[in-house]
Protein backbone atom coordinates (compact mmCIF):
# COMPACT_ATOMS: atom_id res chain seq x y z
CA MET A 1 -0.29 -9.29 -31.84
CA ALA A 2 1.86 -12.17 -32.73
CA ALA A 3 0.39 -15.71 -32.83
CA ALA A 4 1.38 -18.11 -30.18
CA THR A 5 4.58 -20.08 -31.20
CA SER A 6 7.27 -21.88 -29.32
CA GLY A 7 9.95 -19.87 -27.62
CA SER A 8 12.86 -21.64 -29.81
CA THR A 9 11.05 -20.40 -33.18
CA GLN A 10 9.38 -17.05 -32.37
CA ILE A 11 11.44 -14.33 -34.04
CA VAL A 12 10.97 -11.01 -32.29
CA GLN A 13 12.43 -7.62 -32.46
CA TYR A 14 13.37 -5.43 -29.62
CA VAL A 15 12.80 -1.63 -29.53
CA ILE A 16 14.20 0.56 -26.70
CA VAL A 17 12.97 4.14 -26.52
CA ARG A 18 14.10 6.84 -24.16
CA GLY A 19 11.53 7.62 -21.47
CA ASP A 20 12.63 10.95 -20.63
CA LEU A 21 11.62 12.34 -24.07
CA LEU A 22 7.95 11.65 -22.87
CA LYS A 23 8.12 12.39 -19.30
CA THR A 24 10.73 15.05 -19.05
CA CYS A 25 10.99 16.70 -22.42
CA LYS A 26 7.20 16.56 -22.95
CA TRP A 27 7.58 15.08 -26.45
CA PRO A 28 4.12 14.31 -28.13
CA VAL A 29 3.51 10.60 -28.25
CA GLY A 30 3.22 10.65 -32.12
CA ALA A 31 6.87 12.07 -32.26
CA LEU A 32 8.14 9.43 -30.09
CA ILE A 33 6.40 6.69 -32.14
CA ALA A 34 7.83 8.09 -35.10
CA GLN A 35 11.35 7.72 -33.87
CA ALA A 36 10.79 3.94 -33.20
CA CYS A 37 9.37 3.73 -36.54
CA HIS A 38 12.51 5.29 -38.26
CA ALA A 39 14.76 2.97 -36.02
CA THR A 40 13.02 -0.26 -36.90
CA THR A 41 12.87 0.64 -40.77
CA ALA A 42 16.58 1.50 -40.69
CA VAL A 43 17.73 -1.76 -38.76
CA LEU A 44 15.52 -3.97 -41.17
CA HIS A 45 17.11 -2.28 -44.14
CA LEU A 46 20.62 -2.75 -42.81
CA TYR A 47 20.22 -6.45 -42.09
CA TYR A 48 17.69 -7.26 -44.76
CA ASP A 49 19.66 -10.44 -45.90
CA ASP A 50 19.82 -11.80 -42.51
CA VAL A 51 18.23 -15.10 -42.34
CA HIS A 52 16.29 -14.20 -39.09
CA THR A 53 15.18 -10.83 -40.77
CA GLN A 54 13.92 -12.73 -43.65
CA LYS A 55 11.79 -15.07 -41.50
CA TYR A 56 10.53 -12.19 -39.58
CA LEU A 57 9.44 -10.44 -42.73
CA LYS A 58 7.69 -13.45 -44.58
CA ASP A 59 4.90 -13.38 -41.96
CA LEU A 60 4.04 -9.57 -42.01
CA ASP A 61 0.70 -10.10 -40.00
CA ARG A 62 2.24 -11.91 -37.20
CA MET A 63 5.43 -9.56 -36.45
CA HIS A 64 6.27 -9.59 -32.81
CA LYS A 65 7.99 -6.63 -31.09
CA VAL A 66 9.22 -6.14 -27.47
CA ILE A 67 9.12 -2.35 -26.59
CA LEU A 68 11.45 -1.39 -23.43
CA GLU A 69 12.56 1.91 -22.01
CA ALA A 70 15.86 3.42 -21.32
CA PRO A 71 15.53 6.19 -18.81
CA ASP A 72 17.63 8.85 -20.54
CA GLU A 73 20.32 9.53 -23.11
CA SER A 74 23.32 8.27 -21.18
CA SER A 75 21.58 4.88 -20.46
CA LEU A 76 20.67 4.68 -24.06
CA TRP A 77 24.39 4.81 -25.00
CA LYS A 78 25.37 2.46 -22.26
CA LEU A 79 22.97 -0.14 -23.57
CA SER A 80 24.25 0.38 -27.12
CA ASN A 81 27.80 -0.17 -26.01
CA GLU A 82 26.56 -3.46 -24.10
CA LEU A 83 24.75 -4.63 -27.38
CA GLU A 84 27.82 -4.02 -29.41
CA THR A 85 30.09 -6.04 -26.71
CA ASN A 86 27.61 -8.92 -26.94
CA GLU A 87 27.38 -9.05 -30.69
CA ILE A 88 23.64 -8.06 -30.74
CA TYR A 89 23.20 -6.07 -33.99
CA HIS A 90 21.00 -3.02 -33.70
CA LYS A 91 20.59 0.51 -34.96
CA ILE A 92 20.68 3.61 -32.63
CA TRP A 93 18.42 6.25 -34.28
CA ILE A 94 19.97 9.64 -34.03
CA GLU A 95 17.33 12.39 -35.02
CA GLN A 96 18.79 14.93 -37.32
CA PRO A 97 19.63 17.71 -37.89
CA GLU A 98 19.56 18.14 -34.01
CA ASN A 99 22.03 15.05 -33.74
CA PHE A 100 19.73 13.68 -30.80
CA PRO A 101 19.73 9.87 -30.04
CA THR A 102 16.10 8.97 -29.32
CA CYS A 103 15.89 4.94 -29.55
CA ILE A 104 17.47 1.70 -30.45
CA ALA A 105 16.03 -1.07 -32.76
CA CYS A 106 17.62 -4.41 -32.90
CA LYS A 107 17.54 -6.69 -35.84
CA PRO A 108 15.15 -9.72 -35.34
CA TYR A 109 16.30 -12.48 -33.23
CA PRO A 110 14.85 -15.82 -32.16
CA LYS A 111 13.60 -14.95 -28.67
CA ASN A 112 14.82 -18.16 -27.20
CA ASP A 113 18.21 -17.49 -28.62
CA ILE A 114 18.58 -13.72 -27.31
CA GLN A 115 17.20 -14.58 -23.85
CA LYS A 116 18.73 -17.80 -23.04
CA ASN A 117 21.11 -19.61 -25.36
CA SER A 118 24.16 -17.29 -24.67
CA HIS A 119 25.66 -14.24 -23.08
CA LYS A 120 24.41 -12.35 -25.91
CA GLY A 121 20.91 -12.50 -24.46
CA LYS A 122 21.84 -11.43 -20.75
CA THR A 123 21.42 -7.56 -21.37
CA MET A 124 17.84 -7.97 -23.32
CA ALA A 125 16.60 -10.57 -21.07
CA SER A 126 17.20 -8.59 -17.95
CA ALA A 127 15.96 -5.32 -19.48
CA GLU A 128 12.70 -7.25 -20.39
CA ASN A 129 12.33 -8.68 -16.85
CA ARG A 130 12.61 -5.14 -15.37
CA GLU A 131 10.10 -3.72 -17.92
CA SER A 132 7.38 -6.51 -17.25
CA ALA A 133 7.54 -6.10 -13.43
CA LYS A 134 4.05 -5.42 -12.12
CA THR A 135 3.36 -2.16 -10.56
CA VAL A 136 1.30 -1.68 -7.32
CA LEU A 137 -0.76 1.58 -6.35
CA LEU A 138 -1.24 1.95 -2.61
CA LEU A 139 -4.30 4.17 -1.83
CA LYS A 140 -4.37 5.38 1.90
CA SER A 141 -3.93 8.06 4.16
CA GLU A 142 -0.55 9.83 4.39
CA ASP A 143 1.48 9.16 7.43
CA GLU A 144 2.79 11.90 9.73
CA ASP A 145 6.36 11.04 8.63
CA ASN A 146 5.95 10.87 4.97
CA SER A 147 9.59 10.66 4.19
CA PHE A 148 9.27 6.94 4.60
CA ASP A 149 6.50 4.48 3.94
CA PRO A 150 6.97 1.05 5.13
CA TYR A 151 4.62 -0.57 2.68
CA VAL A 152 6.53 0.86 -0.35
CA ASP A 153 9.73 -0.25 1.09
CA THR A 154 8.78 -3.75 1.75
CA LEU A 155 7.30 -4.06 -1.71
CA LYS A 156 10.41 -2.63 -3.23
CA ASN A 157 12.76 -4.87 -1.33
CA ALA A 158 10.65 -7.74 -2.89
CA GLY A 159 11.26 -6.50 -6.49
CA ILE A 160 7.76 -5.07 -6.78
CA HIS A 161 7.28 -1.37 -8.02
CA ALA A 162 4.95 0.41 -5.66
CA THR A 163 3.59 3.82 -5.73
CA PHE A 164 1.74 5.62 -2.86
CA VAL A 165 -1.10 8.13 -3.60
CA PRO A 166 -2.89 9.71 -0.65
CA SER A 167 -6.66 9.16 -0.96
CA ILE A 168 -7.93 10.26 2.47
CA GLU A 169 -7.46 13.26 4.86
CA PHE A 170 -8.41 13.37 8.38
CA GLU A 171 -9.97 16.04 10.72
CA PHE A 172 -10.04 15.65 14.39
CA VAL A 173 -13.48 16.30 15.98
CA ASN A 174 -15.24 16.23 19.46
CA ASP A 175 -12.09 17.08 21.37
CA LEU A 176 -13.98 18.17 24.66
CA LEU A 177 -16.01 15.00 24.38
CA LEU A 178 -12.86 12.71 24.21
CA LEU A 179 -11.25 14.86 26.99
CA GLU A 180 -14.30 14.31 29.33
CA TYR A 181 -14.00 10.54 28.92
CA LEU A 182 -10.18 10.57 29.54
CA ARG A 183 -10.83 12.57 32.59
CA GLY A 184 -13.26 10.08 33.69
CA PHE A 185 -10.72 7.22 33.73
CA THR A 186 -12.30 5.74 36.96
CA HIS A 187 -15.25 4.83 35.10
CA SER A 188 -13.23 2.72 32.47
CA SER A 189 -11.20 -0.41 32.50
CA GLY A 190 -8.99 0.49 29.46
CA ILE A 191 -8.92 1.92 25.95
CA ILE A 192 -9.42 0.02 22.59
CA PHE A 193 -7.59 1.58 19.81
CA THR A 194 -8.22 0.24 16.19
CA SER A 195 -6.40 2.89 14.03
CA PRO A 196 -3.20 4.93 14.45
CA ARG A 197 -5.45 8.02 14.03
CA ALA A 198 -7.21 7.29 17.36
CA VAL A 199 -4.07 7.07 19.16
CA ARG A 200 -2.88 10.57 17.77
CA ALA A 201 -6.34 11.99 18.89
CA VAL A 202 -5.74 11.01 22.38
CA LYS A 203 -2.34 12.14 22.39
CA ARG A 204 -3.25 15.57 20.79
CA VAL A 205 -6.22 16.13 23.30
CA SER A 206 -4.39 15.14 26.41
CA GLU A 207 -1.27 17.26 25.50
CA HIS A 208 -3.47 20.20 24.48
CA HIS A 209 -5.49 20.29 27.65
CA GLY A 210 -2.60 19.34 30.04
CA PHE A 211 -4.16 15.95 31.07
CA LYS A 212 -1.83 13.30 32.36
CA ILE A 213 -2.45 10.39 30.08
CA SER A 214 -0.05 8.30 32.06
CA ILE A 215 -2.88 7.29 34.35
CA TRP A 216 -4.25 5.14 31.70
CA SER A 217 -0.99 3.22 31.17
CA GLN A 218 -1.96 1.19 34.24
CA LYS A 219 -5.12 -0.12 32.68
CA ALA A 220 -5.89 -2.85 30.20
CA ASN A 221 -5.31 -1.11 26.81
CA PHE A 222 -5.64 -2.81 23.46
CA ALA A 223 -4.46 -1.89 20.03
CA LEU A 224 -5.30 -3.51 16.54
CA GLY A 225 -2.39 -4.20 14.41
CA ASP A 226 1.37 -3.75 14.81
CA LYS A 227 1.42 -0.12 13.63
CA THR A 228 -1.26 1.02 15.97
CA ALA A 229 0.32 -0.69 18.74
CA MET A 230 3.70 0.96 18.00
CA LEU A 231 2.11 4.28 18.26
CA ALA A 232 0.51 3.66 21.44
CA ARG A 233 3.58 2.55 23.11
CA THR A 234 5.81 5.45 21.64
CA LEU A 235 3.37 8.30 21.93
CA LEU A 236 1.33 7.22 24.99
CA GLY A 237 3.59 4.93 26.80
CA PHE A 238 0.96 2.29 26.99
CA ASP A 239 1.87 -1.50 27.12
CA VAL A 240 -0.93 -2.63 24.75
CA LEU A 241 -2.33 -6.00 24.18
CA GLY A 242 -3.92 -7.45 20.88
CA SER A 243 -1.59 -6.20 18.34
CA HIS A 244 -1.44 -9.64 16.69
CA CYS A 245 -5.20 -9.54 15.89
CA THR A 246 -6.02 -8.84 12.15
CA ASN A 247 -9.66 -7.20 12.49
CA SER A 248 -11.99 -5.79 14.90
CA LYS A 249 -13.83 -8.91 15.30
CA SER A 250 -10.60 -11.00 16.26
CA LEU A 251 -9.79 -8.30 18.61
CA ALA A 252 -13.04 -8.51 20.21
CA ASP A 253 -12.81 -12.32 20.56
CA PHE A 254 -9.31 -11.71 21.92
CA ILE A 255 -10.58 -9.44 24.75
CA VAL A 256 -13.40 -11.92 25.73
CA THR A 257 -10.98 -14.75 25.83
CA CYS A 258 -8.58 -12.98 27.94
CA GLY A 259 -11.29 -11.90 30.33
CA LYS A 260 -12.13 -15.29 31.38
CA LYS A 261 -10.96 -16.70 34.62
CA ASP A 262 -7.86 -18.84 34.74
CA ARG A 263 -6.66 -17.68 31.25
CA SER A 264 -3.32 -16.21 30.99
CA ILE A 265 -2.88 -13.33 28.59
CA PRO A 266 -0.71 -14.16 25.55
CA GLN A 267 2.66 -12.50 24.78
CA ASN A 268 4.31 -14.14 27.81
CA ARG A 269 2.03 -12.19 30.41
CA SER A 270 1.55 -13.61 33.75
CA VAL A 271 -1.28 -11.25 34.87
CA ASN A 272 -4.61 -12.44 34.27
CA TYR A 273 -6.93 -10.06 32.23
CA LEU A 274 -9.85 -10.11 34.67
CA GLU A 275 -7.71 -8.86 37.35
CA LEU A 276 -6.76 -5.98 35.22
CA PHE A 277 -10.47 -5.06 35.21
CA ASP A 278 -11.35 -5.82 38.86
CA THR A 279 -8.15 -5.70 40.83
CA TYR A 280 -8.52 -3.58 43.87
CA LYS A 281 -4.91 -2.41 43.39
CA MET A 282 -6.23 -0.44 40.29
CA TRP A 283 -8.83 1.13 42.23
CA GLU A 284 -6.49 2.14 44.93
CA LEU A 285 -4.14 3.59 42.34
CA GLU A 286 -6.90 5.60 40.89
CA GLN A 287 -8.17 7.07 44.21
CA LYS A 288 -4.59 7.97 45.10
CA VAL A 289 -4.12 9.92 41.79
CA LEU A 290 -7.45 11.83 42.20
CA HIS A 291 -6.59 12.84 45.62
CA GLU A 292 -3.27 14.08 44.58
CA GLU A 293 -4.64 16.01 41.64
CA GLY A 294 -7.54 17.59 43.82
CA HIS A 295 -10.24 15.66 42.43
CA GLU A 296 -13.59 14.78 44.25
CA ILE A 297 -13.38 11.09 45.06
CA CYS A 298 -16.65 9.37 44.18
CA PRO A 299 -16.31 5.46 44.46
CA GLU A 300 -17.94 3.65 41.49
CA GLU A 301 -18.53 0.05 41.36
CA LYS A 302 -15.81 -1.80 39.46
CA ASN A 303 -16.75 -2.34 35.85
CA ARG A 304 -15.59 -3.70 32.29
CA THR A 305 -16.27 -0.60 30.34
CA LEU A 306 -13.78 0.19 27.83
CA LEU A 307 -13.26 3.50 26.09
CA PHE A 308 -13.37 3.18 22.15
CA PRO A 309 -12.05 6.43 20.27
CA CYS A 310 -12.58 5.93 16.70
CA SER A 311 -13.52 7.32 13.32
CA GLN A 312 -17.13 8.57 12.51
CA LYS A 313 -17.15 5.83 10.07
CA ALA A 314 -16.13 3.05 12.27
CA LYS A 315 -18.40 -0.05 12.32
CA ASP A 316 -20.03 -1.31 15.52
CA VAL A 317 -18.29 -4.59 15.22
CA LEU A 318 -16.65 -4.22 18.79
CA GLU A 319 -19.78 -3.12 20.43
CA LYS A 320 -21.72 -6.04 18.95
CA ASN A 321 -19.25 -8.56 20.01
CA LEU A 322 -18.25 -7.44 23.46
CA LYS A 323 -21.74 -6.49 24.85
CA PRO A 324 -23.07 -10.08 25.04
CA HIS A 325 -20.09 -11.01 27.31
CA GLY A 326 -20.83 -8.20 29.84
CA PHE A 327 -18.44 -5.35 28.45
CA ILE A 328 -19.55 -1.76 27.85
CA VAL A 329 -18.01 0.08 24.96
CA ASP A 330 -18.03 3.89 25.36
CA ARG A 331 -17.72 4.92 21.70
CA VAL A 332 -16.17 8.46 21.05
CA GLU A 333 -15.94 9.52 17.45
CA CYS A 334 -12.75 11.75 17.51
CA TYR A 335 -12.02 12.02 13.71
CA LYS A 336 -13.62 12.14 10.46
CA THR A 337 -12.46 11.11 7.08
CA SER A 338 -12.81 13.04 3.78
CA PRO A 339 -11.39 12.39 0.22
CA SER A 340 -8.01 13.93 -0.62
CA PRO A 341 -8.69 17.16 -2.78
CA ASN A 342 -5.97 16.28 -5.10
CA LEU A 343 -6.70 12.71 -5.60
CA ARG A 344 -7.95 12.99 -9.17
CA ASN A 345 -4.94 14.96 -10.38
CA ASN A 346 -2.58 12.73 -8.55
CA LEU A 347 -3.84 9.63 -10.29
CA ALA A 348 -3.98 11.46 -13.78
CA SER A 349 -0.35 12.30 -13.20
CA LEU A 350 0.48 8.82 -12.34
CA VAL A 351 -1.12 7.40 -15.46
CA ALA A 352 0.64 9.86 -17.69
CA GLU A 353 4.12 9.08 -16.15
CA LYS A 354 4.03 5.46 -15.36
CA GLY A 355 0.90 3.95 -17.04
CA ILE A 356 -2.19 2.31 -15.30
CA PRO A 357 -0.96 0.18 -12.49
CA ASP A 358 -1.48 -3.47 -12.41
CA ILE A 359 -2.75 -3.82 -8.70
CA VAL A 360 -4.59 -1.22 -6.47
CA VAL A 361 -4.29 -1.88 -2.70
CA TYR A 362 -7.16 -0.40 -0.60
CA PHE A 363 -6.64 -0.13 3.23
CA SER A 364 -10.17 0.93 4.16
CA PRO A 365 -13.81 1.22 3.07
CA SER A 366 -13.26 5.08 2.93
CA GLY A 367 -10.63 4.82 0.56
CA VAL A 368 -13.02 2.63 -1.69
CA GLU A 369 -15.67 5.11 -1.22
CA PHE A 370 -13.70 8.26 -2.10
CA SER A 371 -11.77 6.81 -5.03
CA HIS A 372 -13.62 4.24 -7.06
CA GLU A 373 -15.44 6.54 -9.39
CA ILE A 374 -12.17 8.57 -9.90
CA ILE A 375 -10.33 5.40 -10.67
CA LYS A 376 -12.78 4.20 -13.18
CA SER A 377 -12.79 7.58 -14.74
CA VAL A 378 -9.05 8.05 -15.24
CA PHE A 379 -7.99 4.42 -15.82
CA GLY A 380 -10.87 4.01 -18.44
CA ALA A 381 -11.60 0.40 -19.66
CA THR A 382 -8.50 -1.11 -18.11
CA GLN A 383 -9.40 -1.83 -14.40
CA PRO A 384 -6.59 -3.14 -12.35
CA ASN A 385 -6.70 -6.04 -9.87
CA VAL A 386 -7.59 -4.99 -6.42
CA VAL A 387 -6.17 -6.04 -2.90
CA ALA A 388 -8.29 -5.29 0.01
CA VAL A 389 -7.10 -5.05 3.55
CA GLY A 390 -9.61 -6.90 5.65
CA GLU A 391 -12.97 -8.43 4.82
CA THR A 392 -14.89 -5.12 5.50
CA THR A 393 -12.79 -3.39 2.70
CA ALA A 394 -13.17 -6.25 0.49
CA ALA A 395 -16.86 -6.03 0.87
CA ALA A 396 -16.71 -2.43 -0.17
CA VAL A 397 -14.76 -3.39 -3.25
CA GLN A 398 -17.15 -5.81 -4.31
CA ALA A 399 -20.10 -3.40 -3.73
CA VAL A 400 -18.67 -0.91 -6.31
CA ASN A 401 -18.10 -3.80 -8.94
CA MET A 402 -14.22 -3.38 -8.76
CA LYS A 403 -11.97 -6.47 -9.31
CA LEU A 404 -11.30 -7.89 -6.03
CA SER A 405 -8.37 -10.55 -6.50
CA ALA A 406 -7.04 -10.91 -3.04
CA VAL A 407 -7.65 -9.89 0.56
CA ALA A 408 -4.78 -9.16 3.09
CA GLU A 409 -5.46 -10.96 6.28
CA ASN A 410 -2.81 -8.74 8.26
CA PRO A 411 -2.69 -4.80 7.74
CA ASN A 412 1.03 -4.76 8.24
CA PRO A 413 3.45 -4.50 5.32
CA GLU A 414 4.28 -8.18 5.22
CA GLY A 415 0.46 -8.94 4.97
CA ILE A 416 0.16 -6.50 2.07
CA LEU A 417 3.18 -8.18 0.25
CA ASN A 418 1.75 -11.68 0.58
CA ALA A 419 -1.61 -10.65 -0.83
CA VAL A 420 0.13 -8.78 -3.75
CA LYS A 421 2.27 -12.02 -4.43
CA CYS A 422 -1.00 -14.03 -4.75
CA VAL A 423 -2.08 -11.81 -7.34
CA LEU A 424 1.27 -11.48 -9.38
């Protein structure tokens, strides 16, 4: 490593190596290092009398090199042409007898000069900036539509390299129990969704058993986060509340607040939440539907019971915070989580191709549980910064002694981006 010097006096040597030789052509690392050694030796010989080369060689124990990557042969030649145009002296190493270009080594230059003082430095400065960009690994479940990931896209648009690796798989369970609760809609005042998977579970069960889920659309339904709310609207036709909430505690507080008399529901709604629970119109509508479908009508006392389809690992935050305010939460565990069987292989391949990521983003405590030992094994001594979505996930990260660096208050893509920026 070079000693700290000012930008105007530090002499550096740039070396650009073809990345495809390692990733695609499967060259051994030693062979690739040899190419860089050949190129640097050759360019130092060619420009041995240069004043900057002499300064560079006078302090052999403090030489500073910047290693960059060219994706393939064509990009290596393009860079060489740009360097020649900008009068940046260099040597492109061509391996013989194959006549195979492998890397470029520039003669030593003052770092400040090559990056800032003239047009000559623009090519290398921009290349170094691209190379030094932080990389982010997203560990979460795979969406149904895996052709587009809004989190990867949002980070990419912000100039941040992001990669998604599935860490969790889901299995739907307790279909008949969920169906029983859905059919007993007269006993509930609405549904609480805290995950997209719960929405899909309700959609799946209602379609498979021919149940008209539309009857629930007239009730007071809630969804945590924008993504869950969007699915509830598109898959079930529900006009949900609470999408602005960031965690189960804030959603419970929102339900309690909206349930008080004389309090209007946010999002420009004119109807009072208490009316959604206790209005006679709702009861009348339910009785009408029951009669049309041939069900036995059994009047029940109007209540403030909410159906909560969830994961087997879901915490009891909603129940604890709603019960003291007169709410009953009917919890139905409709799916369970398990680790992705390919997680270790996928992480090993990622490290081999792109190196160890700078930041890992966890979306759930299950993701932490299933992957933390694998990450420590595959990444070795270099452990990345961790961004956790929500306080519960953050607590799980800390419990396994990983490096928690930021907590995303909002689970949407913009919330993740803001948390990642805090770490960069």
